[in-house]
Amino acid sequence: MARQSISFTKPNDEWLKTQVDKKEYSSKSELVNDLIRQARKQQVEINWIRAKLEKAENSGYTNENKNEILAQSKSLLNG
């Protein structure tokens, strides 16, 4: 695993310390890695929605009904 040195603002550092103190995470590194994983997953979801919107805008119409679109969205969110 690559080692990095990063700096945090005081409020962010305090928040990280609080999470570790509450035993939510064993270390700040674990917490930061989890936050990055969440951000990466969120970006995948945003990209999927953006692609669907662009496709819809280009086609002008979708054959999927609102329940199908909702089911697809929930499936993606739940991984």
N, C-alpha and C. Protein backbone atom coordinates (compact mmCIF):
# COMPACT_ATOMS: atom_id res chain seq x y z
N MET A 1 0.85 -1.17 0.00
CA MET A 1 0.00 0.00 0.00
C MET A 1 0.90 1.24 0.00
N ALA A 2 0.55 2.19 -0.81
CA ALA A 2 1.34 3.42 -0.90
C ALA A 2 1.11 4.29 0.33
N ARG A 3 2.18 4.88 0.80
CA ARG A 3 2.09 5.79 1.95
C ARG A 3 2.05 7.21 1.43
N GLN A 4 1.22 8.02 2.04
CA GLN A 4 1.08 9.42 1.68
C GLN A 4 1.12 10.25 2.95
N SER A 5 1.55 11.46 2.79
CA SER A 5 1.50 12.41 3.89
C SER A 5 0.52 13.50 3.49
N ILE A 6 -0.53 13.66 4.27
CA ILE A 6 -1.52 14.68 3.96
C ILE A 6 -1.79 15.53 5.19
N SER A 7 -2.24 16.73 4.96
CA SER A 7 -2.58 17.65 6.05
C SER A 7 -4.08 17.87 6.06
N PHE A 8 -4.62 18.04 7.26
CA PHE A 8 -6.05 18.30 7.43
C PHE A 8 -6.24 19.63 8.13
N THR A 9 -7.36 20.26 7.83
CA THR A 9 -7.72 21.44 8.61
C THR A 9 -8.06 20.97 10.02
N LYS A 10 -8.02 21.87 10.97
CA LYS A 10 -8.30 21.50 12.36
C LYS A 10 -9.67 20.84 12.53
N PRO A 11 -10.75 21.41 11.95
CA PRO A 11 -12.05 20.75 12.13
C PRO A 11 -12.09 19.34 11.52
N ASN A 12 -11.46 19.16 10.37
CA ASN A 12 -11.44 17.84 9.75
C ASN A 12 -10.62 16.85 10.57
N ASP A 13 -9.50 17.30 11.10
CA ASP A 13 -8.68 16.43 11.92
C ASP A 13 -9.42 16.03 13.19
N GLU A 14 -10.11 16.97 13.79
CA GLU A 14 -10.89 16.66 15.00
C GLU A 14 -11.99 15.65 14.69
N TRP A 15 -12.65 15.81 13.55
CA TRP A 15 -13.71 14.88 13.16
C TRP A 15 -13.13 13.49 12.96
N LEU A 16 -11.99 13.41 12.27
CA LEU A 16 -11.34 12.11 12.06
C LEU A 16 -10.98 11.46 13.40
N LYS A 17 -10.40 12.24 14.29
CA LYS A 17 -10.03 11.71 15.61
C LYS A 17 -11.26 11.21 16.37
N THR A 18 -12.35 11.94 16.28
CA THR A 18 -13.59 11.54 16.96
C THR A 18 -14.08 10.19 16.44
N GLN A 19 -14.04 10.00 15.13
CA GLN A 19 -14.49 8.73 14.56
C GLN A 19 -13.63 7.57 15.04
N VAL A 20 -12.34 7.80 15.11
CA VAL A 20 -11.43 6.75 15.59
C VAL A 20 -11.65 6.52 17.08
N ASP A 21 -11.82 7.59 17.85
CA ASP A 21 -12.07 7.46 19.29
C ASP A 21 -13.37 6.71 19.58
N LYS A 22 -14.36 6.88 18.71
CA LYS A 22 -15.64 6.18 18.89
C LYS A 22 -15.57 4.74 18.40
N LYS A 23 -14.39 4.33 17.97
CA LYS A 23 -14.16 2.96 17.49
C LYS A 23 -14.92 2.65 16.20
N GLU A 24 -15.30 3.72 15.47
CA GLU A 24 -15.93 3.51 14.17
C GLU A 24 -14.90 2.96 13.18
N TYR A 25 -13.67 3.40 13.35
CA TYR A 25 -12.55 2.98 12.51
C TYR A 25 -11.35 2.76 13.41
N SER A 26 -10.44 1.92 12.97
CA SER A 26 -9.26 1.65 13.79
C SER A 26 -8.18 2.69 13.62
N SER A 27 -8.24 3.46 12.53
CA SER A 27 -7.23 4.49 12.29
C SER A 27 -7.78 5.54 11.33
N LYS A 28 -7.10 6.68 11.29
CA LYS A 28 -7.48 7.73 10.34
C LYS A 28 -7.30 7.23 8.91
N SER A 29 -6.26 6.45 8.69
CA SER A 29 -6.01 5.92 7.34
C SER A 29 -7.18 5.06 6.86
N GLU A 30 -7.68 4.21 7.74
CA GLU A 30 -8.82 3.36 7.38
C GLU A 30 -10.03 4.22 7.03
N LEU A 31 -10.26 5.24 7.82
CA LEU A 31 -11.38 6.14 7.59
C LEU A 31 -11.23 6.89 6.27
N VAL A 32 -10.06 7.43 6.01
CA VAL A 32 -9.83 8.17 4.77
C VAL A 32 -10.01 7.24 3.57
N ASN A 33 -9.49 6.02 3.66
CA ASN A 33 -9.68 5.06 2.57
C ASN A 33 -11.15 4.75 2.35
N ASP A 34 -11.92 4.62 3.43
CA ASP A 34 -13.35 4.36 3.30
C ASP A 34 -14.06 5.54 2.64
N LEU A 35 -13.70 6.75 3.03
CA LEU A 35 -14.30 7.94 2.42
C LEU A 35 -13.98 8.01 0.92
N ILE A 36 -12.77 7.64 0.56
CA ILE A 36 -12.39 7.64 -0.85
C ILE A 36 -13.19 6.58 -1.60
N ARG A 37 -13.34 5.39 -1.03
CA ARG A 37 -14.15 4.34 -1.67
C ARG A 37 -15.58 4.83 -1.89
N GLN A 38 -16.14 5.48 -0.88
CA GLN A 38 -17.51 6.00 -1.01
C GLN A 38 -17.60 7.05 -2.11
N ALA A 39 -16.62 7.92 -2.18
CA ALA A 39 -16.60 8.96 -3.21
C ALA A 39 -16.47 8.34 -4.59
N ARG A 40 -15.65 7.29 -4.71
CA ARG A 40 -15.49 6.63 -6.01
C ARG A 40 -16.79 5.96 -6.42
N LYS A 41 -17.48 5.30 -5.49
CA LYS A 41 -18.76 4.66 -5.80
C LYS A 41 -19.79 5.72 -6.20
N GLN A 42 -19.79 6.84 -5.48
CA GLN A 42 -20.72 7.91 -5.80
C GLN A 42 -20.44 8.46 -7.20
N GLN A 43 -19.17 8.56 -7.58
CA GLN A 43 -18.84 9.05 -8.91
C GLN A 43 -19.33 8.10 -9.99
N VAL A 44 -19.25 6.79 -9.74
CA VAL A 44 -19.78 5.80 -10.69
C VAL A 44 -21.28 6.02 -10.86
N GLU A 45 -21.98 6.24 -9.76
CA GLU A 45 -23.43 6.46 -9.81
C GLU A 45 -23.75 7.76 -10.56
N ILE A 46 -22.99 8.80 -10.30
CA ILE A 46 -23.20 10.08 -10.99
C ILE A 46 -22.96 9.90 -12.48
N ASN A 47 -21.90 9.19 -12.84
CA ASN A 47 -21.60 8.96 -14.25
C ASN A 47 -22.72 8.17 -14.93
N TRP A 48 -23.28 7.18 -14.22
CA TRP A 48 -24.37 6.37 -14.77
C TRP A 48 -25.60 7.25 -15.02
N ILE A 49 -25.93 8.08 -14.03
CA ILE A 49 -27.09 8.98 -14.18
C ILE A 49 -26.85 9.97 -15.31
N ARG A 50 -25.65 10.52 -15.38
CA ARG A 50 -25.31 11.46 -16.45
C ARG A 50 -25.45 10.80 -17.82
N ALA A 51 -24.97 9.57 -17.94
CA ALA A 51 -25.06 8.85 -19.21
C ALA A 51 -26.52 8.61 -19.59
N LYS A 52 -27.33 8.23 -18.59
CA LYS A 52 -28.76 8.02 -18.86
C LYS A 52 -29.44 9.32 -19.30
N LEU A 53 -29.10 10.43 -18.63
CA LEU A 53 -29.69 11.71 -18.99
C LEU A 53 -29.27 12.13 -20.39
N GLU A 54 -27.99 11.94 -20.71
CA GLU A 54 -27.51 12.30 -22.05
C GLU A 54 -28.19 11.45 -23.11
N LYS A 55 -28.33 10.16 -22.84
CA LYS A 55 -29.01 9.26 -23.78
C LYS A 55 -30.46 9.70 -23.96
N ALA A 56 -31.12 10.03 -22.85
CA ALA A 56 -32.52 10.46 -22.93
C ALA A 56 -32.65 11.77 -23.70
N GLU A 57 -31.73 12.70 -23.43
CA GLU A 57 -31.77 13.98 -24.13
C GLU A 57 -31.54 13.80 -25.62
N ASN A 58 -30.65 12.88 -25.98
CA ASN A 58 -30.35 12.65 -27.39
C ASN A 58 -31.45 11.88 -28.10
N SER A 59 -32.12 10.99 -27.38
CA SER A 59 -33.18 10.20 -28.02
C SER A 59 -34.53 10.90 -27.93
N GLY A 60 -34.66 11.75 -26.93
CA GLY A 60 -35.93 12.45 -26.77
C GLY A 60 -36.98 11.65 -26.01
N TYR A 61 -36.77 10.33 -25.87
CA TYR A 61 -37.79 9.51 -25.21
C TYR A 61 -37.16 8.21 -24.74
N THR A 62 -37.64 7.67 -23.63
CA THR A 62 -37.21 6.36 -23.15
C THR A 62 -38.41 5.43 -23.13
N ASN A 63 -38.18 4.16 -23.40
CA ASN A 63 -39.26 3.17 -23.36
C ASN A 63 -39.48 2.63 -21.95
N GLU A 64 -38.58 2.97 -21.03
CA GLU A 64 -38.70 2.49 -19.67
C GLU A 64 -39.72 3.33 -18.90
N ASN A 65 -40.53 2.64 -18.10
CA ASN A 65 -41.48 3.39 -17.29
C ASN A 65 -40.79 3.83 -15.99
N LYS A 66 -41.49 4.65 -15.22
CA LYS A 66 -40.86 5.21 -14.02
C LYS A 66 -40.48 4.13 -13.02
N ASN A 67 -41.24 3.05 -12.93
CA ASN A 67 -40.91 1.96 -12.01
C ASN A 67 -39.64 1.22 -12.44
N GLU A 68 -39.46 1.04 -13.75
CA GLU A 68 -38.25 0.39 -14.25
C GLU A 68 -37.02 1.27 -13.99
N ILE A 69 -37.17 2.55 -14.23
CA ILE A 69 -36.06 3.48 -13.99
C ILE A 69 -35.71 3.50 -12.51
N LEU A 70 -36.73 3.54 -11.66
CA LEU A 70 -36.50 3.55 -10.21
C LEU A 70 -35.83 2.26 -9.77
N ALA A 71 -36.27 1.10 -10.30
CA ALA A 71 -35.68 -0.18 -9.93
C ALA A 71 -34.21 -0.22 -10.35
N GLN A 72 -33.89 0.27 -11.53
CA GLN A 72 -32.50 0.30 -11.99
C GLN A 72 -31.66 1.19 -11.07
N SER A 73 -32.20 2.33 -10.71
CA SER A 73 -31.46 3.25 -9.84
C SER A 73 -31.20 2.62 -8.48
N LYS A 74 -32.22 1.98 -7.91
CA LYS A 74 -32.06 1.35 -6.60
C LYS A 74 -31.07 0.19 -6.68
N SER A 75 -31.11 -0.55 -7.77
CA SER A 75 -30.18 -1.66 -7.96
C SER A 75 -28.75 -1.15 -7.99
N LEU A 76 -28.52 -0.05 -8.69
CA LEU A 76 -27.18 0.52 -8.76
C LEU A 76 -26.73 1.03 -7.39
N LEU A 77 -27.61 1.69 -6.68
CA LEU A 77 -27.26 2.22 -5.35
C LEU A 77 -26.96 1.11 -4.35
N ASN A 78 -27.67 0.00 -4.47
CA ASN A 78 -27.49 -1.10 -3.53
C ASN A 78 -26.37 -2.05 -3.94
N GLY A 79 -25.81 -1.77 -5.12
CA GLY A 79 -24.65 -2.54 -5.59
C GLY A 79 -24.97 -3.98 -5.74
